[in-house]
Amino acid sequence: MSTVLAAASNAAVAEGPIRVMVVDDAVVARSLLTHWVDSEPDMTVAASLRDGREAVDQLDRADPDVVLLDIEMPGLDGISALPLLLRKKRDLVVIMASALTRRGAEVTLRALSLGAADYIPKPESTPSGADAIAFRHDLIEKIRHLGRRRRTSHRPSAPVAAHAIGALSPRQRLRSFGETGQLHLRPFSSVPPRVLLIGSSTGGPQALTKLIEKLPAAIDRAPVLITQHMPATFTTVLAETLSRVAGRGAHEAEHDEPVLAGGIYVAPGGRHMRVVRGADGIKIALGDDPPINYCRPAVDPLFASAAPVWGPATLAVVLTGMGCDGTAGAAEIVAASGSVMAQDEATSVVWGMPRSVAQAGLCSAVLPLDEIAPRILRLFLGARA
């Protein structure tokens, strides 16, 4: 069984296990996935099927919370089955299983735009050793977070207090949030931003697309650096998508390239992205060091490296995603007098990363996705809030 928080698992079991439908034409892959799911105390396999047609036909009977849907299958493939499944069950959580190929990446991003909640990149062969542990952890956590979110009644975003956090300690801020439901916000930096940093994970590609298409004026004034939890090839396609919607040259960052206003730099899959200041300006530094928070690229290295480079002129945004990646880096930005914003719960696919940053008292604003771009633009124009 994978590592599970006992309290969370017990709570989930108490309300009934998350029902998972596995759809994959490969017998070995299907067997492995069903074994992993059934090994979790808070999950059960509702059906194990060979193709999209079976999934559509048996959806009502199986009544799953989550569908693991392979993209490449004979007959009705995953991308064709997806809209049919969502038409029958609008709140269904669909996680696409995609090959680590250019086509796989393109089809996956299309599936996300059509309503898939997330994706899992399938290794080329049956994973083993450390690769199997990482793949299983990622898969199970996605099912758990997304399946649990579907089951919980939708809660409105926490009300936001207008006052700054002052001298409250992190422990006091967390206690205050838990007791009052209020987020205690910091004032924004008095210095207009000269860089925009964005970190995202689950739900991130959709959120990034909506955000970046509204930011051309800000992009012209400063560089935009993005870390999205994605494997190689997928980040290539993501950068191309962002380039189209922004009308600016988004691309995967390259080691030692200069960081310039007007550029959109996407951390390449499999490598951490940092920035360094040298005698000839600010440059990208890519690293192959171990994963952080189970991720490479991770958000923390980007945020932490940017803090001493831009100081109070640093503006970071944490979008939808699981876990707490970005919180440690956001603390470095705040310590350097920079500013941090987070996406709110109501518009996040998973309010994990944004929640972690908000509860730590590091945010100057926690906003719905469609309100983040206007606030960024005002800050770049010199507004203080």
Protein backbone atom coordinates (compact mmCIF):
# COMPACT_ATOMS: atom_id res chain seq x y z
CA MET A 1 0.00 0.00 0.00
CA SER A 2 1.27 3.50 -0.76
CA THR A 3 1.98 6.02 1.98
CA VAL A 4 -1.38 7.29 3.24
CA LEU A 5 -2.32 9.81 5.88
CA ALA A 6 -4.26 7.65 8.31
CA ALA A 7 -6.76 10.27 9.36
CA ALA A 8 -7.58 11.19 5.79
CA SER A 9 -7.96 7.57 4.76
CA ASN A 10 -10.16 6.74 7.75
CA ALA A 11 -12.42 9.70 6.98
CA ALA A 12 -12.72 8.63 3.35
CA VAL A 13 -13.48 5.02 4.29
CA ALA A 14 -16.16 6.25 6.71
CA GLU A 15 -18.06 7.91 3.85
CA GLY A 16 -17.42 5.03 1.47
CA PRO A 17 -14.41 4.37 -0.75
CA ILE A 18 -13.72 6.37 -3.88
CA ARG A 19 -15.06 4.35 -6.80
CA VAL A 20 -12.57 4.10 -9.68
CA MET A 21 -13.16 2.86 -13.22
CA VAL A 22 -9.98 1.72 -15.01
CA VAL A 23 -10.10 1.80 -18.82
CA ASP A 24 -7.04 0.49 -20.67
CA ASP A 25 -6.68 -2.00 -23.51
CA ALA A 26 -3.30 -3.26 -22.25
CA VAL A 27 -3.90 -6.21 -19.89
CA VAL A 28 -0.70 -5.70 -17.89
CA ALA A 29 -1.31 -1.98 -17.37
CA ARG A 30 -4.95 -2.54 -16.50
CA SER A 31 -4.06 -5.23 -13.96
CA LEU A 32 -1.37 -3.11 -12.34
CA LEU A 33 -3.63 -0.07 -12.02
CA THR A 34 -6.52 -2.07 -10.58
CA HIS A 35 -4.17 -3.73 -8.07
CA TRP A 36 -2.83 -0.38 -6.89
CA VAL A 37 -6.30 1.12 -6.54
CA ASP A 38 -7.73 -1.89 -4.68
CA SER A 39 -4.75 -1.84 -2.31
CA GLU A 40 -5.81 1.54 -0.94
CA PRO A 41 -8.23 1.46 2.01
CA ASP A 42 -10.17 4.48 0.75
CA MET A 43 -10.59 3.29 -2.86
CA THR A 44 -12.26 0.48 -4.78
CA VAL A 45 -12.29 -0.57 -8.42
CA ALA A 46 -15.80 -0.04 -9.76
CA ALA A 47 -14.96 -1.55 -13.17
CA SER A 48 -11.93 -2.65 -15.18
CA LEU A 49 -12.56 -2.26 -18.91
CA ARG A 50 -10.79 -2.58 -22.26
CA ASP A 51 -11.99 0.40 -24.29
CA GLY A 52 -13.96 3.62 -24.37
CA ARG A 53 -17.16 2.01 -25.65
CA GLU A 54 -17.32 -0.32 -22.66
CA ALA A 55 -16.71 2.65 -20.37
CA VAL A 56 -19.60 4.65 -21.85
CA ASP A 57 -21.95 1.67 -21.86
CA GLN A 58 -21.18 0.64 -18.25
CA LEU A 59 -20.88 4.11 -16.71
CA ASP A 60 -24.33 4.13 -15.11
CA ARG A 61 -24.00 0.64 -13.69
CA ALA A 62 -20.48 1.10 -12.33
CA ASP A 63 -21.22 4.62 -11.01
CA PRO A 64 -17.56 5.67 -10.59
CA ASP A 65 -16.30 8.84 -8.94
CA VAL A 66 -13.09 8.75 -10.99
CA VAL A 67 -12.25 7.25 -14.40
CA LEU A 68 -8.66 6.43 -15.38
CA LEU A 69 -8.97 6.69 -19.16
CA ASP A 70 -6.24 5.55 -21.53
CA ILE A 71 -5.91 7.74 -24.63
CA GLU A 72 -4.69 5.21 -27.18
CA MET A 73 -7.17 2.33 -27.49
CA PRO A 74 -8.71 0.42 -30.43
CA GLY A 75 -12.33 1.13 -31.21
CA LEU A 76 -13.48 4.13 -29.20
CA ASP A 77 -10.31 5.79 -27.91
CA GLY A 78 -9.98 7.97 -24.82
CA ILE A 79 -10.28 11.38 -26.47
CA SER A 80 -13.47 10.24 -28.27
CA ALA A 81 -14.95 8.64 -25.14
CA LEU A 82 -14.24 11.64 -22.90
CA PRO A 83 -17.09 13.93 -24.05
CA LEU A 84 -19.53 11.01 -24.07
CA LEU A 85 -18.66 10.16 -20.46
CA LEU A 86 -18.96 13.77 -19.32
CA ARG A 87 -22.25 14.14 -21.15
CA LYS A 88 -23.68 11.23 -19.17
CA LYS A 89 -22.18 12.36 -15.84
CA ARG A 90 -21.21 16.02 -15.78
CA ASP A 91 -19.35 15.97 -12.45
CA LEU A 92 -17.31 12.86 -13.31
CA VAL A 93 -13.59 13.12 -12.63
CA VAL A 94 -11.63 11.84 -15.63
CA ILE A 95 -7.87 11.35 -15.43
CA MET A 96 -6.29 10.72 -18.82
CA ALA A 97 -3.47 8.17 -19.11
CA SER A 98 -1.09 9.41 -21.79
CA ALA A 99 2.07 8.18 -23.45
CA LEU A 100 5.19 10.32 -23.04
CA THR A 101 5.18 11.32 -26.70
CA ARG A 102 4.55 14.48 -28.69
CA ARG A 103 1.18 13.16 -29.82
CA GLY A 104 0.37 12.05 -26.29
CA ALA A 105 1.11 15.54 -24.97
CA GLU A 106 -0.97 17.26 -27.66
CA VAL A 107 -3.96 14.98 -27.14
CA THR A 108 -3.69 15.31 -23.35
CA LEU A 109 -3.81 19.10 -23.44
CA ARG A 110 -6.79 18.85 -25.77
CA ALA A 111 -8.48 16.47 -23.31
CA LEU A 112 -7.91 18.95 -20.47
CA SER A 113 -9.57 21.66 -22.54
CA LEU A 114 -12.54 19.31 -23.11
CA GLY A 115 -13.12 18.73 -19.41
CA ALA A 116 -10.67 16.09 -18.19
CA ALA A 117 -9.62 16.91 -14.64
CA ASP A 118 -5.99 15.80 -14.93
CA TYR A 119 -3.65 13.31 -16.57
CA ILE A 120 -1.06 10.72 -15.65
CA PRO A 121 1.92 10.19 -17.97
CA LYS A 122 2.36 6.49 -18.67
CA PRO A 123 5.93 5.16 -18.68
CA GLU A 124 7.04 3.39 -21.87
CA SER A 125 7.32 0.07 -20.03
CA THR A 126 6.04 -1.34 -16.75
CA PRO A 127 7.65 0.82 -14.06
CA SER A 128 9.88 -0.73 -11.43
CA GLY A 129 11.92 0.38 -8.45
CA ALA A 130 11.96 4.11 -7.75
CA ASP A 131 10.05 4.85 -10.96
CA ALA A 132 7.20 2.57 -9.88
CA ILE A 133 7.06 4.20 -6.43
CA ALA A 134 6.92 7.71 -7.89
CA PHE A 135 4.35 6.75 -10.55
CA ARG A 136 2.13 5.00 -8.02
CA HIS A 137 2.36 7.87 -5.54
CA ASP A 138 1.40 10.41 -8.21
CA LEU A 139 -1.49 8.31 -9.48
CA ILE A 140 -2.97 7.51 -6.06
CA GLU A 141 -2.70 11.07 -4.81
CA LYS A 142 -4.46 12.39 -7.92
CA ILE A 143 -7.30 9.91 -7.50
CA ARG A 144 -7.57 10.68 -3.80
CA HIS A 145 -7.56 14.46 -4.08
CA LEU A 146 -9.80 14.70 -7.13
CA GLY A 147 -12.19 11.97 -6.00
CA ARG A 148 -12.52 13.47 -2.55
CA ARG A 149 -13.11 16.94 -3.99
CA ARG A 150 -15.98 15.61 -6.11
CA ARG A 151 -17.60 14.09 -3.04
CA THR A 152 -17.42 17.12 -0.79
CA SER A 153 -20.12 19.73 -1.13
CA HIS A 154 -18.76 22.88 -2.71
CA ARG A 155 -17.64 25.38 -0.10
CA PRO A 156 -17.31 29.11 -0.83
CA SER A 157 -13.90 30.67 -0.68
CA ALA A 158 -12.75 31.63 2.79
CA PRO A 159 -13.53 35.26 3.63
CA VAL A 160 -10.49 37.47 3.46
CA ALA A 161 -9.52 39.86 6.21
CA ALA A 162 -8.52 43.32 5.08
CA HIS A 163 -5.80 43.79 7.69
CA ALA A 164 -2.16 42.78 7.40
CA ILE A 165 -0.74 39.94 9.46
CA GLY A 166 1.51 42.24 11.47
CA ALA A 167 3.47 40.39 14.12
CA LEU A 168 1.49 37.15 14.06
CA SER A 169 3.69 34.06 13.99
CA PRO A 170 3.05 31.37 11.34
CA ARG A 171 1.54 29.17 14.09
CA GLN A 172 -0.79 31.98 15.18
CA ARG A 173 -1.82 32.65 11.58
CA LEU A 174 -2.66 29.00 10.99
CA ARG A 175 -4.62 28.83 14.26
CA SER A 176 -6.51 32.01 13.35
CA PHE A 177 -7.46 30.62 9.95
CA GLY A 178 -8.66 27.36 11.45
CA GLU A 179 -10.82 29.09 14.06
CA THR A 180 -12.25 32.00 12.08
CA GLY A 181 -12.07 30.93 8.44
CA GLN A 182 -10.20 34.15 7.66
CA LEU A 183 -7.04 34.57 5.67
CA HIS A 184 -4.73 37.22 7.07
CA LEU A 185 -3.12 39.08 4.20
CA ARG A 186 0.16 40.90 3.92
CA PRO A 187 0.41 44.30 2.24
CA PHE A 188 1.75 44.25 -1.31
CA SER A 189 5.29 45.47 -1.86
CA SER A 190 5.61 49.22 -2.34
CA VAL A 191 7.89 48.50 -5.32
CA PRO A 192 6.25 47.80 -8.72
CA PRO A 193 7.06 44.25 -9.88
CA ARG A 194 9.78 43.63 -12.45
CA VAL A 195 9.17 39.91 -12.83
CA LEU A 196 6.18 37.56 -12.71
CA LEU A 197 6.66 34.03 -11.38
CA ILE A 198 3.91 31.40 -11.67
CA GLY A 199 3.73 27.96 -10.08
CA SER A 200 1.02 25.40 -10.84
CA SER A 201 0.19 21.70 -10.90
CA THR A 202 -3.16 19.86 -11.16
CA GLY A 203 -5.47 22.02 -13.27
CA GLY A 204 -2.55 24.26 -14.12
CA PRO A 205 -2.53 24.03 -17.93
CA GLN A 206 -6.12 25.26 -18.14
CA ALA A 207 -5.53 27.99 -15.53
CA LEU A 208 -2.28 29.12 -17.17
CA THR A 209 -3.95 29.44 -20.55
CA LYS A 210 -6.74 31.62 -19.14
CA LEU A 211 -4.30 33.76 -17.16
CA ILE A 212 -1.61 34.29 -19.79
CA GLU A 213 -4.03 35.31 -22.54
CA LYS A 214 -5.05 38.31 -20.39
CA LEU A 215 -1.52 39.49 -19.58
CA PRO A 216 0.13 40.85 -22.76
CA ALA A 217 0.61 44.32 -21.27
CA ALA A 218 2.36 42.90 -18.19
CA ILE A 219 4.46 40.52 -20.28
CA ASP A 220 5.81 43.42 -22.32
CA ARG A 221 7.06 45.05 -19.11
CA ALA A 222 8.73 42.06 -17.46
CA PRO A 223 9.75 38.44 -17.92
CA VAL A 224 7.30 35.69 -16.96
CA LEU A 225 8.75 32.47 -15.55
CA ILE A 226 6.49 29.43 -15.16
CA THR A 227 6.95 26.12 -13.38
CA GLN A 228 4.15 23.65 -14.14
CA HIS A 229 4.45 20.09 -12.85
CA MET A 230 4.79 18.26 -16.16
CA PRO A 231 7.14 15.77 -17.82
CA ALA A 232 9.38 16.48 -20.79
CA THR A 233 7.60 16.88 -24.15
CA PHE A 234 4.45 17.94 -22.32
CA THR A 235 6.12 21.20 -21.31
CA THR A 236 7.16 21.74 -24.94
CA VAL A 237 3.54 21.56 -26.07
CA LEU A 238 2.41 23.68 -23.11
CA ALA A 239 4.89 26.42 -24.06
CA GLU A 240 3.62 26.38 -27.65
CA THR A 241 0.04 26.70 -26.42
CA LEU A 242 0.92 29.64 -24.17
CA SER A 243 2.80 31.29 -27.02
CA ARG A 244 -0.33 31.16 -29.18
CA VAL A 245 -2.70 32.55 -26.56
CA ALA A 246 -0.30 35.28 -25.41
CA GLY A 247 0.85 36.38 -28.85
CA ARG A 248 4.34 36.39 -27.33
CA GLY A 249 7.30 34.05 -27.56
CA ALA A 250 6.69 31.48 -24.85
CA HIS A 251 9.26 28.67 -24.91
CA GLU A 252 10.95 26.06 -22.77
CA ALA A 253 13.79 27.74 -20.94
CA GLU A 254 17.36 26.92 -21.93
CA HIS A 255 20.31 26.81 -19.59
CA ASP A 256 22.30 30.06 -19.41
CA GLU A 257 19.91 32.05 -21.64
CA PRO A 258 19.24 35.66 -20.59
CA VAL A 259 15.99 36.53 -18.83
CA LEU A 260 14.44 39.48 -20.65
CA ALA A 261 11.23 41.49 -20.49
CA GLY A 262 8.68 40.20 -22.98
CA GLY A 263 9.80 36.59 -22.63
CA ILE A 264 7.74 33.70 -21.23
CA TYR A 265 10.02 30.98 -19.88
CA VAL A 266 8.56 27.54 -19.08
CA ALA A 267 10.57 25.14 -16.91
CA PRO A 268 11.33 22.08 -19.07
CA GLY A 269 9.98 18.76 -17.85
CA GLY A 270 12.50 16.78 -15.81
CA ARG A 271 14.65 19.81 -14.85
CA HIS A 272 14.43 22.38 -12.09
CA MET A 273 14.52 25.99 -13.27
CA ARG A 274 16.28 28.70 -11.29
CA VAL A 275 17.57 32.20 -12.04
CA VAL A 276 21.00 33.63 -11.25
CA ARG A 277 22.38 37.15 -11.50
CA GLY A 278 25.85 37.51 -12.98
CA ALA A 279 28.06 40.25 -14.32
CA ASP A 280 26.25 40.11 -17.67
CA GLY A 281 22.69 40.08 -16.29
CA ILE A 282 20.07 37.61 -15.10
CA LYS A 283 20.15 34.13 -16.64
CA ILE A 284 18.35 30.80 -16.50
CA ALA A 285 19.99 27.97 -14.57
CA LEU A 286 18.59 24.47 -15.19
CA GLY A 287 19.40 21.64 -12.82
CA ASP A 288 19.10 17.87 -12.71
CA ASP A 289 19.18 17.68 -8.90
CA PRO A 290 16.69 15.31 -7.21
CA PRO A 291 12.93 15.93 -7.24
CA ILE A 292 11.55 18.31 -4.62
CA ASN A 293 8.08 17.60 -3.23
CA TYR A 294 8.07 14.59 -5.60
CA CYS A 295 8.39 17.02 -8.53
CA ARG A 296 10.97 17.99 -11.10
CA PRO A 297 10.53 20.72 -12.10
CA ALA A 298 9.38 22.06 -8.74
CA VAL A 299 8.12 25.54 -7.92
CA ASP A 300 10.21 26.09 -4.79
CA PRO A 301 13.60 26.32 -6.58
CA LEU A 302 12.30 28.98 -8.97
CA PHE A 303 10.70 31.09 -6.25
CA ALA A 304 13.65 30.79 -3.86
CA SER A 305 16.23 31.68 -6.52
CA ALA A 306 14.23 34.69 -7.73
CA ALA A 307 13.87 36.25 -4.26
CA PRO A 308 17.45 37.60 -3.96
CA VAL A 309 17.57 38.54 -7.65
CA TRP A 310 14.53 40.84 -7.77
CA GLY A 311 13.88 41.36 -4.04
CA PRO A 312 10.85 43.59 -3.37
CA ALA A 313 10.16 43.77 -7.14
CA THR A 314 9.26 40.05 -7.18
CA LEU A 315 5.64 39.05 -7.79
CA ALA A 316 4.70 35.37 -7.57
CA VAL A 317 1.38 33.63 -8.23
CA VAL A 318 0.49 30.14 -7.00
CA LEU A 319 -2.24 28.50 -9.06
CA THR A 320 -4.24 25.30 -8.61
CA GLY A 321 -2.34 22.16 -7.63
CA MET A 322 -1.92 19.36 -5.10
CA GLY A 323 0.51 19.44 -2.21
CA CYS A 324 2.55 22.31 -0.81
CA ASP A 325 5.16 22.98 -3.50
CA GLY A 326 5.79 26.71 -3.70
CA THR A 327 5.28 27.49 -0.01
CA ALA A 328 8.95 27.36 0.99
CA GLY A 329 9.90 29.46 -2.04
CA ALA A 330 7.08 31.92 -1.35
CA ALA A 331 8.46 32.38 2.17
CA GLU A 332 11.80 33.37 0.63
CA ILE A 333 10.05 35.92 -1.60
CA VAL A 334 8.19 37.42 1.34
CA ALA A 335 11.42 37.56 3.37
CA ALA A 336 12.92 39.58 0.50
CA SER A 337 9.90 41.97 0.67
CA GLY A 338 8.31 40.63 -2.53
CA SER A 339 4.63 39.78 -3.01
CA VAL A 340 2.70 36.53 -3.42
CA MET A 341 -0.82 35.90 -4.73
CA ALA A 342 -2.83 32.66 -4.80
CA GLN A 343 -5.82 31.27 -6.66
CA ASP A 344 -8.90 30.76 -4.50
CA GLU A 345 -10.55 27.46 -3.62
CA ALA A 346 -13.69 27.93 -5.69
CA THR A 347 -11.83 28.19 -9.00
CA SER A 348 -9.03 25.69 -8.25
CA VAL A 349 -9.23 22.11 -9.47
CA VAL A 350 -7.33 21.22 -6.29
CA TRP A 351 -6.79 23.83 -3.58
CA GLY A 352 -3.57 22.33 -2.26
CA MET A 353 -0.62 24.51 -3.26
CA PRO A 354 -2.59 27.79 -3.06
CA ARG A 355 -4.09 26.80 0.29
CA SER A 356 -0.68 25.96 1.73
CA VAL A 357 0.71 29.37 0.76
CA ALA A 358 -2.41 31.18 2.00
CA GLN A 359 -2.55 29.39 5.33
CA ALA A 360 1.12 30.16 5.93
CA GLY A 361 0.21 33.85 5.85
CA LEU A 362 2.38 34.56 2.81
CA CYS A 363 -0.25 36.00 0.45
CA SER A 364 -1.17 39.58 -0.31
CA ALA A 365 -4.28 38.41 -2.22
CA VAL A 366 -6.29 35.19 -2.68
CA LEU A 367 -8.47 35.61 -5.76
CA PRO A 368 -10.68 33.78 -8.27
CA LEU A 369 -8.77 32.95 -11.42
CA ASP A 370 -10.47 35.60 -13.56
CA GLU A 371 -9.52 38.34 -11.05
CA ILE A 372 -5.81 37.52 -10.92
CA ALA A 373 -4.81 39.03 -14.28
CA PRO A 374 -6.49 42.41 -13.63
CA ARG A 375 -4.75 42.62 -10.25
CA ILE A 376 -1.38 41.77 -11.82
CA LEU A 377 -1.84 44.46 -14.44
CA ARG A 378 -2.67 47.08 -11.79
CA LEU A 379 0.44 46.16 -9.82
CA PHE A 380 2.64 46.47 -12.90
CA LEU A 381 1.13 49.91 -13.52
CA GLY A 382 2.17 51.01 -10.03
CA ALA A 383 -0.92 50.31 -7.90
CA ARG A 384 -0.23 49.27 -4.31
CA ALA A 385 -3.09 46.79 -4.00
